[in-house]
Amino acid sequence: RKVLEVYIEKGMKDGQKIRFPGEGDEMPGMEIGDVVVVLDVRPHETFQRQDADLAFVKKISLCEALCGVDFTFEHLDGRHVRVRSAPGEVVKDGDVRSVMGEGMPRFGNPFEKGNLHIKFEVEMPDVGSLSESQLEVLRRVLPGPSETPMTVDGEVDDVVMGSFQRSSATRSSSSVYDSDEDDGHPGAHRVGCATH
């Protein structure tokens, strides 16, 4: 029995084949076949690969989103990389930032690398975690509401928002909180109209 040594080059992808010509089984009267190794790349717990690019999700606090991001992570090669946002930069929930040249080596040219993409998830403060004095400070330093309460004649019904609860009457009907996959169009929302 012969032992074949498989060398996996930097930048090789899932499903890529490594062929050993003439190393297959020998059958009487038949040409010797090849041994073909197919790479099966296991998913990583942190990074997702997109060709030569890498991506991962980073959760940050609201303070970091407003005042600046500064964190360190361990890369696939064991290096520790420090990532910082530009001075004065505000990071919004869902924003994606790229770090050039910190992705995967390109197959056939390992000295050239893809990019690293970081998607940020901004974690908001818990309910009741901010005191009234802290909220007052935020009101002074942050921009005001995009809309001011309109002035109307007569009485106004004053209501307070609560946690999301689907009413029993709308459990099977279309609504603005239906799946993004409705109607076969990802990202689409159904909108219901109410008459008064």
N, C-alpha and C. Protein backbone atom coordinates (compact mmCIF):
# COMPACT_ATOMS: atom_id res chain seq x y z
N ARG A 1 0.85 -1.20 0.00
CA ARG A 1 0.00 0.00 0.00
C ARG A 1 0.88 1.24 0.00
N LYS A 2 0.57 2.16 -0.88
CA LYS A 2 1.37 3.37 -1.02
C LYS A 2 0.68 4.53 -0.30
N VAL A 3 1.47 5.33 0.40
CA VAL A 3 0.95 6.50 1.12
C VAL A 3 1.20 7.74 0.27
N LEU A 4 0.14 8.47 -0.02
CA LEU A 4 0.26 9.70 -0.80
C LEU A 4 0.21 10.89 0.13
N GLU A 5 1.13 11.80 -0.05
CA GLU A 5 1.17 13.02 0.76
C GLU A 5 0.45 14.12 -0.01
N VAL A 6 -0.57 14.69 0.61
CA VAL A 6 -1.38 15.72 -0.02
C VAL A 6 -0.93 17.09 0.49
N TYR A 7 -0.52 17.95 -0.41
CA TYR A 7 -0.10 19.30 -0.04
C TYR A 7 -1.21 20.28 -0.42
N ILE A 8 -1.77 20.93 0.57
CA ILE A 8 -2.83 21.90 0.34
C ILE A 8 -2.22 23.29 0.26
N GLU A 9 -2.28 23.88 -0.90
CA GLU A 9 -1.68 25.20 -1.09
C GLU A 9 -2.54 26.29 -0.47
N LYS A 10 -1.90 27.37 -0.13
CA LYS A 10 -2.62 28.51 0.45
C LYS A 10 -3.65 29.04 -0.55
N GLY A 11 -4.82 29.33 -0.05
CA GLY A 11 -5.86 29.91 -0.90
C GLY A 11 -6.73 28.91 -1.61
N MET A 12 -6.49 27.62 -1.43
CA MET A 12 -7.35 26.63 -2.09
C MET A 12 -8.76 26.70 -1.51
N LYS A 13 -9.76 26.34 -2.32
CA LYS A 13 -11.16 26.53 -1.95
C LYS A 13 -11.86 25.20 -1.72
N ASP A 14 -13.03 25.31 -1.12
CA ASP A 14 -13.88 24.14 -0.90
C ASP A 14 -14.27 23.52 -2.24
N GLY A 15 -14.14 22.21 -2.34
CA GLY A 15 -14.48 21.52 -3.58
C GLY A 15 -13.35 21.45 -4.60
N GLN A 16 -12.25 22.13 -4.33
CA GLN A 16 -11.13 22.09 -5.26
C GLN A 16 -10.48 20.70 -5.26
N LYS A 17 -9.99 20.25 -6.41
CA LYS A 17 -9.47 18.89 -6.56
C LYS A 17 -7.95 18.88 -6.68
N ILE A 18 -7.37 17.87 -6.05
CA ILE A 18 -5.93 17.61 -6.17
C ILE A 18 -5.79 16.23 -6.78
N ARG A 19 -5.15 16.17 -7.93
CA ARG A 19 -5.11 14.92 -8.70
C ARG A 19 -3.71 14.30 -8.64
N PHE A 20 -3.68 12.99 -8.44
CA PHE A 20 -2.45 12.21 -8.48
C PHE A 20 -2.54 11.27 -9.68
N PRO A 21 -1.98 11.65 -10.83
CA PRO A 21 -2.09 10.83 -12.04
C PRO A 21 -1.42 9.46 -11.87
N GLY A 22 -2.12 8.43 -12.34
CA GLY A 22 -1.55 7.09 -12.36
C GLY A 22 -1.40 6.45 -11.00
N GLU A 23 -2.07 6.97 -9.99
CA GLU A 23 -1.95 6.39 -8.64
C GLU A 23 -3.22 5.63 -8.24
N GLY A 24 -4.11 5.39 -9.19
CA GLY A 24 -5.34 4.67 -8.88
C GLY A 24 -5.13 3.17 -8.86
N ASP A 25 -6.23 2.44 -8.73
CA ASP A 25 -6.16 0.98 -8.69
C ASP A 25 -5.75 0.43 -10.05
N GLU A 26 -5.00 -0.68 -10.00
CA GLU A 26 -4.58 -1.35 -11.23
C GLU A 26 -5.55 -2.49 -11.53
N MET A 27 -6.08 -2.47 -12.74
CA MET A 27 -7.00 -3.53 -13.18
C MET A 27 -6.44 -4.18 -14.44
N PRO A 28 -6.49 -5.51 -14.54
CA PRO A 28 -5.95 -6.19 -15.73
C PRO A 28 -6.59 -5.67 -17.01
N GLY A 29 -5.76 -5.32 -17.96
CA GLY A 29 -6.24 -4.87 -19.26
C GLY A 29 -6.79 -3.46 -19.27
N MET A 30 -6.63 -2.73 -18.17
CA MET A 30 -7.16 -1.36 -18.10
C MET A 30 -6.06 -0.40 -17.72
N GLU A 31 -6.23 0.82 -18.20
CA GLU A 31 -5.28 1.87 -17.86
C GLU A 31 -5.40 2.21 -16.39
N ILE A 32 -4.27 2.49 -15.77
CA ILE A 32 -4.27 2.86 -14.35
C ILE A 32 -4.95 4.23 -14.19
N GLY A 33 -5.88 4.31 -13.27
CA GLY A 33 -6.60 5.57 -13.05
C GLY A 33 -5.85 6.51 -12.14
N ASP A 34 -6.48 7.61 -11.85
CA ASP A 34 -5.89 8.64 -10.99
C ASP A 34 -6.55 8.60 -9.61
N VAL A 35 -5.85 9.13 -8.65
CA VAL A 35 -6.41 9.37 -7.32
C VAL A 35 -6.75 10.86 -7.25
N VAL A 36 -8.00 11.16 -6.92
CA VAL A 36 -8.44 12.55 -6.86
C VAL A 36 -8.90 12.86 -5.44
N VAL A 37 -8.29 13.87 -4.85
CA VAL A 37 -8.66 14.33 -3.51
C VAL A 37 -9.50 15.59 -3.65
N VAL A 38 -10.70 15.59 -3.08
CA VAL A 38 -11.59 16.75 -3.14
C VAL A 38 -11.61 17.41 -1.76
N LEU A 39 -11.29 18.68 -1.72
CA LEU A 39 -11.23 19.40 -0.44
C LEU A 39 -12.63 19.68 0.10
N ASP A 40 -12.80 19.42 1.37
CA ASP A 40 -14.04 19.71 2.08
C ASP A 40 -13.69 20.64 3.24
N VAL A 41 -13.90 21.94 3.04
CA VAL A 41 -13.49 22.93 4.03
C VAL A 41 -14.56 23.06 5.10
N ARG A 42 -14.17 22.85 6.34
CA ARG A 42 -15.11 22.96 7.45
C ARG A 42 -15.39 24.43 7.77
N PRO A 43 -16.62 24.75 8.14
CA PRO A 43 -16.95 26.13 8.52
C PRO A 43 -16.16 26.55 9.77
N HIS A 44 -15.81 27.84 9.82
CA HIS A 44 -15.10 28.39 10.98
C HIS A 44 -16.11 29.04 11.90
N GLU A 45 -15.85 28.98 13.20
CA GLU A 45 -16.81 29.51 14.17
C GLU A 45 -16.89 31.03 14.16
N THR A 46 -15.88 31.70 13.60
CA THR A 46 -15.87 33.17 13.59
C THR A 46 -15.94 33.73 12.18
N PHE A 47 -15.11 33.22 11.29
CA PHE A 47 -14.97 33.80 9.96
C PHE A 47 -15.80 33.06 8.92
N GLN A 48 -16.34 33.83 7.97
CA GLN A 48 -16.98 33.26 6.79
C GLN A 48 -16.13 33.65 5.57
N ARG A 49 -15.94 32.70 4.69
CA ARG A 49 -15.10 32.96 3.51
C ARG A 49 -15.95 33.27 2.30
N GLN A 50 -15.53 34.29 1.54
CA GLN A 50 -16.18 34.66 0.28
C GLN A 50 -15.07 34.82 -0.75
N ASP A 51 -14.76 33.71 -1.45
CA ASP A 51 -13.59 33.66 -2.34
C ASP A 51 -12.33 33.98 -1.55
N ALA A 52 -11.65 35.09 -1.90
CA ALA A 52 -10.43 35.45 -1.16
C ALA A 52 -10.72 36.38 0.01
N ASP A 53 -11.96 36.81 0.15
CA ASP A 53 -12.33 37.71 1.24
C ASP A 53 -12.81 36.92 2.45
N LEU A 54 -12.65 37.54 3.62
CA LEU A 54 -13.15 36.98 4.87
C LEU A 54 -14.14 37.96 5.47
N ALA A 55 -15.06 37.46 6.27
CA ALA A 55 -16.04 38.33 6.91
C ALA A 55 -16.39 37.76 8.28
N PHE A 56 -16.68 38.66 9.22
CA PHE A 56 -17.21 38.23 10.51
C PHE A 56 -18.07 39.33 11.10
N VAL A 57 -18.87 38.95 12.09
CA VAL A 57 -19.78 39.89 12.74
C VAL A 57 -19.19 40.31 14.08
N LYS A 58 -19.22 41.61 14.35
CA LYS A 58 -18.71 42.14 15.62
C LYS A 58 -19.82 42.92 16.32
N LYS A 59 -20.12 42.52 17.56
CA LYS A 59 -21.10 43.24 18.36
C LYS A 59 -20.40 44.34 19.14
N ILE A 60 -20.99 45.54 19.10
CA ILE A 60 -20.41 46.67 19.83
C ILE A 60 -21.52 47.36 20.62
N SER A 61 -21.12 48.12 21.61
CA SER A 61 -22.08 48.87 22.42
C SER A 61 -22.46 50.16 21.71
N LEU A 62 -23.52 50.78 22.18
CA LEU A 62 -23.93 52.07 21.63
C LEU A 62 -22.84 53.11 21.85
N CYS A 63 -22.17 53.04 22.99
CA CYS A 63 -21.08 53.97 23.27
C CYS A 63 -19.97 53.82 22.23
N GLU A 64 -19.59 52.59 21.90
CA GLU A 64 -18.56 52.36 20.88
C GLU A 64 -19.02 52.87 19.52
N ALA A 65 -20.29 52.65 19.21
CA ALA A 65 -20.82 53.08 17.92
C ALA A 65 -20.72 54.59 17.76
N LEU A 66 -20.93 55.32 18.85
CA LEU A 66 -20.92 56.78 18.79
C LEU A 66 -19.54 57.37 19.02
N CYS A 67 -18.76 56.76 19.91
CA CYS A 67 -17.49 57.36 20.35
C CYS A 67 -16.25 56.75 19.70
N GLY A 68 -16.41 55.62 19.05
CA GLY A 68 -15.26 55.01 18.39
C GLY A 68 -15.09 53.54 18.73
N VAL A 69 -14.68 52.77 17.74
CA VAL A 69 -14.46 51.33 17.88
C VAL A 69 -12.98 51.06 18.00
N ASP A 70 -12.61 50.23 18.97
CA ASP A 70 -11.21 49.85 19.17
C ASP A 70 -11.20 48.46 19.79
N PHE A 71 -10.86 47.44 19.00
CA PHE A 71 -10.84 46.07 19.52
C PHE A 71 -9.75 45.27 18.82
N THR A 72 -9.39 44.14 19.42
CA THR A 72 -8.36 43.25 18.88
C THR A 72 -8.93 41.85 18.70
N PHE A 73 -8.60 41.20 17.59
CA PHE A 73 -9.05 39.83 17.35
C PHE A 73 -7.88 38.97 16.90
N GLU A 74 -8.04 37.66 17.08
CA GLU A 74 -7.02 36.72 16.64
C GLU A 74 -7.35 36.24 15.23
N HIS A 75 -6.39 36.43 14.32
CA HIS A 75 -6.62 36.04 12.92
C HIS A 75 -6.37 34.53 12.74
N LEU A 76 -6.70 34.04 11.56
CA LEU A 76 -6.57 32.61 11.27
C LEU A 76 -5.13 32.13 11.38
N ASP A 77 -4.17 33.01 11.11
CA ASP A 77 -2.76 32.61 11.17
C ASP A 77 -2.15 32.82 12.55
N GLY A 78 -2.99 33.15 13.53
CA GLY A 78 -2.50 33.32 14.90
C GLY A 78 -2.10 34.74 15.26
N ARG A 79 -2.03 35.62 14.27
CA ARG A 79 -1.70 37.01 14.57
C ARG A 79 -2.83 37.70 15.32
N HIS A 80 -2.50 38.68 16.12
CA HIS A 80 -3.50 39.51 16.77
C HIS A 80 -3.56 40.85 16.04
N VAL A 81 -4.75 41.20 15.60
CA VAL A 81 -4.94 42.41 14.78
C VAL A 81 -5.82 43.39 15.55
N ARG A 82 -5.36 44.63 15.64
CA ARG A 82 -6.13 45.68 16.31
C ARG A 82 -6.88 46.49 15.26
N VAL A 83 -8.17 46.66 15.47
CA VAL A 83 -9.02 47.40 14.54
C VAL A 83 -9.55 48.65 15.24
N ARG A 84 -9.39 49.80 14.57
CA ARG A 84 -9.88 51.06 15.14
C ARG A 84 -10.64 51.83 14.07
N SER A 85 -11.66 52.53 14.50
CA SER A 85 -12.40 53.39 13.57
C SER A 85 -11.69 54.73 13.45
N ALA A 86 -11.99 55.44 12.38
CA ALA A 86 -11.39 56.76 12.17
C ALA A 86 -11.94 57.74 13.21
N PRO A 87 -11.17 58.74 13.61
CA PRO A 87 -11.65 59.72 14.59
C PRO A 87 -12.94 60.38 14.13
N GLY A 88 -13.93 60.42 15.01
CA GLY A 88 -15.20 61.06 14.69
C GLY A 88 -16.16 60.20 13.89
N GLU A 89 -15.75 58.98 13.54
CA GLU A 89 -16.62 58.11 12.73
C GLU A 89 -17.70 57.49 13.60
N VAL A 90 -18.93 57.50 13.11
CA VAL A 90 -20.05 56.87 13.79
C VAL A 90 -20.40 55.59 13.04
N VAL A 91 -20.52 54.49 13.78
CA VAL A 91 -20.84 53.19 13.18
C VAL A 91 -22.30 52.88 13.48
N LYS A 92 -23.08 52.63 12.44
CA LYS A 92 -24.49 52.32 12.60
C LYS A 92 -24.71 50.81 12.60
N ASP A 93 -25.82 50.39 13.17
CA ASP A 93 -26.16 48.98 13.18
C ASP A 93 -26.29 48.46 11.74
N GLY A 94 -25.59 47.38 11.44
CA GLY A 94 -25.62 46.82 10.09
C GLY A 94 -24.54 47.34 9.17
N ASP A 95 -23.78 48.35 9.61
CA ASP A 95 -22.69 48.87 8.78
C ASP A 95 -21.62 47.81 8.57
N VAL A 96 -20.98 47.85 7.41
CA VAL A 96 -19.89 46.95 7.09
C VAL A 96 -18.64 47.78 6.78
N ARG A 97 -17.56 47.47 7.44
CA ARG A 97 -16.27 48.13 7.21
C ARG A 97 -15.28 47.10 6.70
N SER A 98 -14.34 47.54 5.86
CA SER A 98 -13.36 46.63 5.26
C SER A 98 -11.95 46.99 5.68
N VAL A 99 -11.16 45.94 5.91
CA VAL A 99 -9.73 46.10 6.18
C VAL A 99 -8.99 45.48 5.01
N MET A 100 -8.26 46.30 4.29
CA MET A 100 -7.60 45.84 3.06
C MET A 100 -6.46 44.87 3.37
N GLY A 101 -6.40 43.80 2.58
CA GLY A 101 -5.27 42.88 2.67
C GLY A 101 -5.27 41.95 3.86
N GLU A 102 -6.39 41.83 4.58
CA GLU A 102 -6.45 40.94 5.74
C GLU A 102 -7.36 39.74 5.49
N GLY A 103 -7.59 39.44 4.22
CA GLY A 103 -8.40 38.28 3.88
C GLY A 103 -7.55 37.05 3.65
N MET A 104 -8.03 36.13 2.81
CA MET A 104 -7.33 34.88 2.51
C MET A 104 -6.28 35.11 1.43
N PRO A 105 -5.19 34.31 1.45
CA PRO A 105 -4.25 34.36 0.32
C PRO A 105 -4.95 33.89 -0.95
N ARG A 106 -4.57 34.47 -2.05
CA ARG A 106 -5.16 34.06 -3.33
C ARG A 106 -4.41 32.83 -3.87
N PHE A 107 -5.19 31.84 -4.30
CA PHE A 107 -4.59 30.60 -4.79
C PHE A 107 -3.72 30.90 -6.02
N GLY A 108 -2.50 30.42 -5.99
CA GLY A 108 -1.56 30.67 -7.08
C GLY A 108 -0.74 31.91 -6.88
N ASN A 109 -1.16 32.79 -5.97
CA ASN A 109 -0.41 34.01 -5.67
C ASN A 109 -0.61 34.33 -4.18
N PRO A 110 0.00 33.53 -3.30
CA PRO A 110 -0.26 33.64 -1.87
C PRO A 110 0.18 34.96 -1.24
N PHE A 111 1.02 35.71 -1.94
CA PHE A 111 1.46 36.99 -1.38
C PHE A 111 0.40 38.08 -1.57
N GLU A 112 -0.58 37.80 -2.41
CA GLU A 112 -1.70 38.73 -2.59
C GLU A 112 -2.90 38.20 -1.81
N LYS A 113 -3.50 39.06 -1.00
CA LYS A 113 -4.60 38.63 -0.15
C LYS A 113 -5.86 39.43 -0.43
N GLY A 114 -7.00 38.80 -0.11
CA GLY A 114 -8.27 39.50 -0.20
C GLY A 114 -8.46 40.45 0.96
N ASN A 115 -9.66 40.91 1.14
CA ASN A 115 -9.96 41.88 2.19
C ASN A 115 -10.76 41.22 3.31
N LEU A 116 -10.79 41.90 4.45
CA LEU A 116 -11.57 41.45 5.60
C LEU A 116 -12.73 42.41 5.79
N HIS A 117 -13.94 41.86 5.85
CA HIS A 117 -15.14 42.68 6.02
C HIS A 117 -15.74 42.41 7.40
N ILE A 118 -16.04 43.49 8.11
CA ILE A 118 -16.59 43.38 9.46
C ILE A 118 -17.97 44.02 9.47
N LYS A 119 -18.97 43.21 9.82
CA LYS A 119 -20.33 43.72 9.95
C LYS A 119 -20.61 43.98 11.42
N PHE A 120 -21.09 45.20 11.71
CA PHE A 120 -21.29 45.59 13.11
C PHE A 120 -22.76 45.47 13.51
N GLU A 121 -22.95 44.92 14.69
CA GLU A 121 -24.26 44.87 15.32
C GLU A 121 -24.19 45.72 16.59
N VAL A 122 -24.98 46.78 16.63
CA VAL A 122 -24.95 47.69 17.76
C VAL A 122 -25.96 47.23 18.80
N GLU A 123 -25.47 46.96 20.00
CA GLU A 123 -26.34 46.51 21.09
C GLU A 123 -26.82 47.72 21.88
N MET A 124 -28.11 47.90 21.94
CA MET A 124 -28.69 49.03 22.64
C MET A 124 -28.73 48.77 24.14
N PRO A 125 -28.77 49.83 24.96
CA PRO A 125 -28.85 49.64 26.42
C PRO A 125 -30.14 48.92 26.80
N ASP A 126 -30.07 48.17 27.89
CA ASP A 126 -31.25 47.46 28.38
C ASP A 126 -32.28 48.45 28.92
N VAL A 127 -33.53 48.02 28.94
CA VAL A 127 -34.60 48.86 29.46
C VAL A 127 -34.33 49.20 30.92
N GLY A 128 -34.40 50.49 31.25
CA GLY A 128 -34.21 50.93 32.63
C GLY A 128 -32.77 51.05 33.07
N SER A 129 -31.80 50.80 32.16
CA SER A 129 -30.40 50.85 32.57
C SER A 129 -29.85 52.27 32.64
N LEU A 130 -30.54 53.24 32.03
CA LEU A 130 -30.11 54.64 32.06
C LEU A 130 -30.98 55.44 33.02
N SER A 131 -30.32 56.21 33.87
CA SER A 131 -31.07 57.05 34.80
C SER A 131 -31.60 58.29 34.08
N GLU A 132 -32.51 59.00 34.73
CA GLU A 132 -33.07 60.19 34.13
C GLU A 132 -32.01 61.25 33.90
N SER A 133 -31.04 61.35 34.81
CA SER A 133 -29.96 62.33 34.63
C SER A 133 -29.09 61.97 33.43
N GLN A 134 -28.84 60.68 33.21
CA GLN A 134 -28.07 60.26 32.04
C GLN A 134 -28.84 60.53 30.76
N LEU A 135 -30.14 60.28 30.79
CA LEU A 135 -30.96 60.55 29.62
C LEU A 135 -30.98 62.04 29.30
N GLU A 136 -30.97 62.86 30.32
CA GLU A 136 -30.97 64.30 30.11
C GLU A 136 -29.68 64.76 29.45
N VAL A 137 -28.56 64.13 29.84
CA VAL A 137 -27.27 64.45 29.20
C VAL A 137 -27.31 64.06 27.72
N LEU A 138 -27.89 62.90 27.44
CA LEU A 138 -27.99 62.45 26.05
C LEU A 138 -28.87 63.40 25.23
N ARG A 139 -29.94 63.88 25.82
CA ARG A 139 -30.83 64.81 25.10
C ARG A 139 -30.11 66.09 24.75
N ARG A 140 -29.17 66.48 25.60
CA ARG A 140 -28.45 67.74 25.34
C ARG A 140 -27.39 67.59 24.25
N VAL A 141 -26.75 66.42 24.20
CA VAL A 141 -25.62 66.26 23.27
C VAL A 141 -26.02 65.62 21.94
N LEU A 142 -27.12 64.87 21.92
CA LEU A 142 -27.53 64.20 20.68
C LEU A 142 -28.55 65.04 19.93
N PRO A 143 -28.61 64.84 18.60
CA PRO A 143 -29.63 65.56 17.82
C PRO A 143 -31.03 65.24 18.33
N GLY A 144 -31.94 66.20 18.20
CA GLY A 144 -33.31 66.02 18.66
C GLY A 144 -34.10 65.08 17.77
N PRO A 145 -35.35 64.85 18.11
CA PRO A 145 -36.19 63.95 17.31
C PRO A 145 -36.39 64.48 15.90
N SER A 146 -36.55 63.55 14.95
CA SER A 146 -36.72 63.95 13.55
C SER A 146 -38.07 64.63 13.34
N GLU A 147 -39.03 64.33 14.20
CA GLU A 147 -40.35 64.94 14.10
C GLU A 147 -40.77 65.44 15.47
N THR A 148 -41.38 66.60 15.51
CA THR A 148 -41.92 67.12 16.76
C THR A 148 -43.41 66.79 16.82
N PRO A 149 -43.92 66.55 18.02
CA PRO A 149 -45.36 66.23 18.13
C PRO A 149 -46.21 67.32 17.51
N MET A 150 -47.11 66.94 16.61
CA MET A 150 -47.95 67.91 15.93
C MET A 150 -49.01 68.47 16.89
N THR A 151 -49.35 69.72 16.67
CA THR A 151 -50.38 70.38 17.48
C THR A 151 -51.72 70.24 16.78
N VAL A 152 -52.70 69.71 17.51
CA VAL A 152 -54.02 69.51 16.93
C VAL A 152 -55.06 70.13 17.85
N ASP A 153 -56.18 70.46 17.26
CA ASP A 153 -57.29 70.97 18.05
C ASP A 153 -58.07 69.80 18.66
N GLY A 154 -58.53 69.97 19.86
CA GLY A 154 -59.32 68.93 20.50
C GLY A 154 -58.47 67.95 21.27
N GLU A 155 -59.09 66.85 21.67
CA GLU A 155 -58.41 65.87 22.49
C GLU A 155 -57.48 64.99 21.66
N VAL A 156 -56.42 64.53 22.30
CA VAL A 156 -55.45 63.64 21.68
C VAL A 156 -55.31 62.38 22.54
N ASP A 157 -55.43 61.21 21.93
CA ASP A 157 -55.23 59.96 22.66
C ASP A 157 -53.73 59.75 22.90
N ASP A 158 -53.34 59.62 24.14
CA ASP A 158 -51.94 59.45 24.52
C ASP A 158 -51.70 57.99 24.86
N VAL A 159 -50.82 57.31 24.10
CA VAL A 159 -50.56 55.89 24.33
C VAL A 159 -49.07 55.67 24.53
N VAL A 160 -48.72 54.55 25.15
CA VAL A 160 -47.32 54.19 25.40
C VAL A 160 -47.02 52.88 24.68
N MET A 161 -45.91 52.85 23.95
CA MET A 161 -45.51 51.63 23.24
C MET A 161 -45.06 50.56 24.22
N GLY A 162 -45.30 49.30 23.85
CA GLY A 162 -44.85 48.16 24.64
C GLY A 162 -44.12 47.16 23.76
N SER A 163 -43.79 46.01 24.33
CA SER A 163 -43.13 44.96 23.56
C SER A 163 -44.06 44.44 22.47
N PHE A 164 -43.46 43.91 21.39
CA PHE A 164 -44.24 43.43 20.26
C PHE A 164 -45.11 42.25 20.68
N GLN A 165 -46.39 42.32 20.35
CA GLN A 165 -47.32 41.22 20.59
C GLN A 165 -48.29 41.16 19.42
N ARG A 166 -48.29 40.02 18.73
CA ARG A 166 -49.20 39.84 17.61
C ARG A 166 -50.58 39.50 18.15
N SER A 167 -51.60 40.23 17.71
CA SER A 167 -52.95 39.95 18.18
C SER A 167 -53.48 38.70 17.51
N SER A 168 -54.41 38.03 18.17
CA SER A 168 -54.94 36.77 17.64
C SER A 168 -55.65 36.99 16.31
N ALA A 169 -56.21 38.17 16.09
CA ALA A 169 -56.96 38.43 14.86
C ALA A 169 -56.05 38.53 13.65
N THR A 170 -54.74 38.77 13.88
CA THR A 170 -53.83 38.97 12.74
C THR A 170 -52.80 37.85 12.62
N ARG A 171 -52.97 36.76 13.34
CA ARG A 171 -51.97 35.70 13.31
C ARG A 171 -51.82 35.08 11.92
N SER A 172 -52.90 35.01 11.17
CA SER A 172 -52.83 34.36 9.85
C SER A 172 -52.96 35.35 8.71
N SER A 173 -53.03 36.64 9.02
CA SER A 173 -53.19 37.63 7.96
C SER A 173 -51.85 38.27 7.63
N SER A 174 -51.77 38.89 6.46
CA SER A 174 -50.55 39.57 6.06
C SER A 174 -50.41 40.86 6.85
N SER A 175 -49.16 41.23 7.10
CA SER A 175 -48.90 42.43 7.88
C SER A 175 -47.49 42.92 7.64
N VAL A 176 -47.15 44.04 8.24
CA VAL A 176 -45.83 44.63 8.01
C VAL A 176 -44.73 43.82 8.67
N TYR A 177 -45.08 42.86 9.57
CA TYR A 177 -44.03 42.07 10.20
C TYR A 177 -43.97 40.66 9.64
N ASP A 178 -44.47 40.46 8.42
CA ASP A 178 -44.32 39.16 7.77
C ASP A 178 -42.87 38.96 7.36
N SER A 179 -42.56 37.73 6.96
CA SER A 179 -41.20 37.37 6.58
C SER A 179 -40.73 38.20 5.39
N ASP A 180 -39.39 38.44 5.36
CA ASP A 180 -38.78 39.15 4.24
C ASP A 180 -38.88 38.36 2.95
N GLU A 181 -39.20 37.07 3.04
CA GLU A 181 -39.24 36.23 1.84
C GLU A 181 -40.61 36.21 1.20
N ASP A 182 -41.57 37.02 1.70
CA ASP A 182 -42.91 37.01 1.14
C ASP A 182 -42.91 37.36 -0.33
N ASP A 183 -43.84 36.74 -1.05
CA ASP A 183 -44.03 37.00 -2.49
C ASP A 183 -42.82 36.64 -3.31
N GLY A 184 -41.87 35.90 -2.72
CA GLY A 184 -40.70 35.48 -3.49
C GLY A 184 -39.70 36.59 -3.71
N HIS A 185 -39.84 37.72 -3.00
CA HIS A 185 -38.90 38.82 -3.17
C HIS A 185 -38.21 39.06 -1.85
N PRO A 186 -36.92 38.60 -1.70
CA PRO A 186 -36.21 38.83 -0.45
C PRO A 186 -36.13 40.32 -0.15
N GLY A 187 -36.37 40.66 1.12
CA GLY A 187 -36.28 42.06 1.53
C GLY A 187 -37.60 42.81 1.36
N ALA A 188 -38.60 42.16 0.73
CA ALA A 188 -39.88 42.83 0.53
C ALA A 188 -40.75 42.71 1.77
N HIS A 189 -41.59 43.69 2.01
CA HIS A 189 -42.52 43.67 3.12
C HIS A 189 -43.92 43.86 2.60
N ARG A 190 -44.87 43.12 3.18
CA ARG A 190 -46.26 43.37 2.87
C ARG A 190 -46.75 44.53 3.75
N VAL A 191 -47.51 45.41 3.16
CA VAL A 191 -48.02 46.56 3.91
C VAL A 191 -49.53 46.52 3.91
N GLY A 192 -50.12 46.53 5.09
CA GLY A 192 -51.57 46.55 5.19
C GLY A 192 -52.05 47.97 5.36
N CYS A 193 -53.20 48.31 4.78
CA CYS A 193 -53.76 49.65 4.87
C CYS A 193 -55.02 49.62 5.72
N ALA A 194 -55.14 50.58 6.60
CA ALA A 194 -56.31 50.65 7.46
C ALA A 194 -57.09 51.92 7.10
N THR A 195 -58.39 51.81 7.10
CA THR A 195 -59.23 52.97 6.80
C THR A 195 -59.83 53.48 8.08
N HIS A 196 -60.06 54.75 8.13
CA HIS A 196 -60.64 55.38 9.30
C HIS A 196 -61.95 56.05 8.91
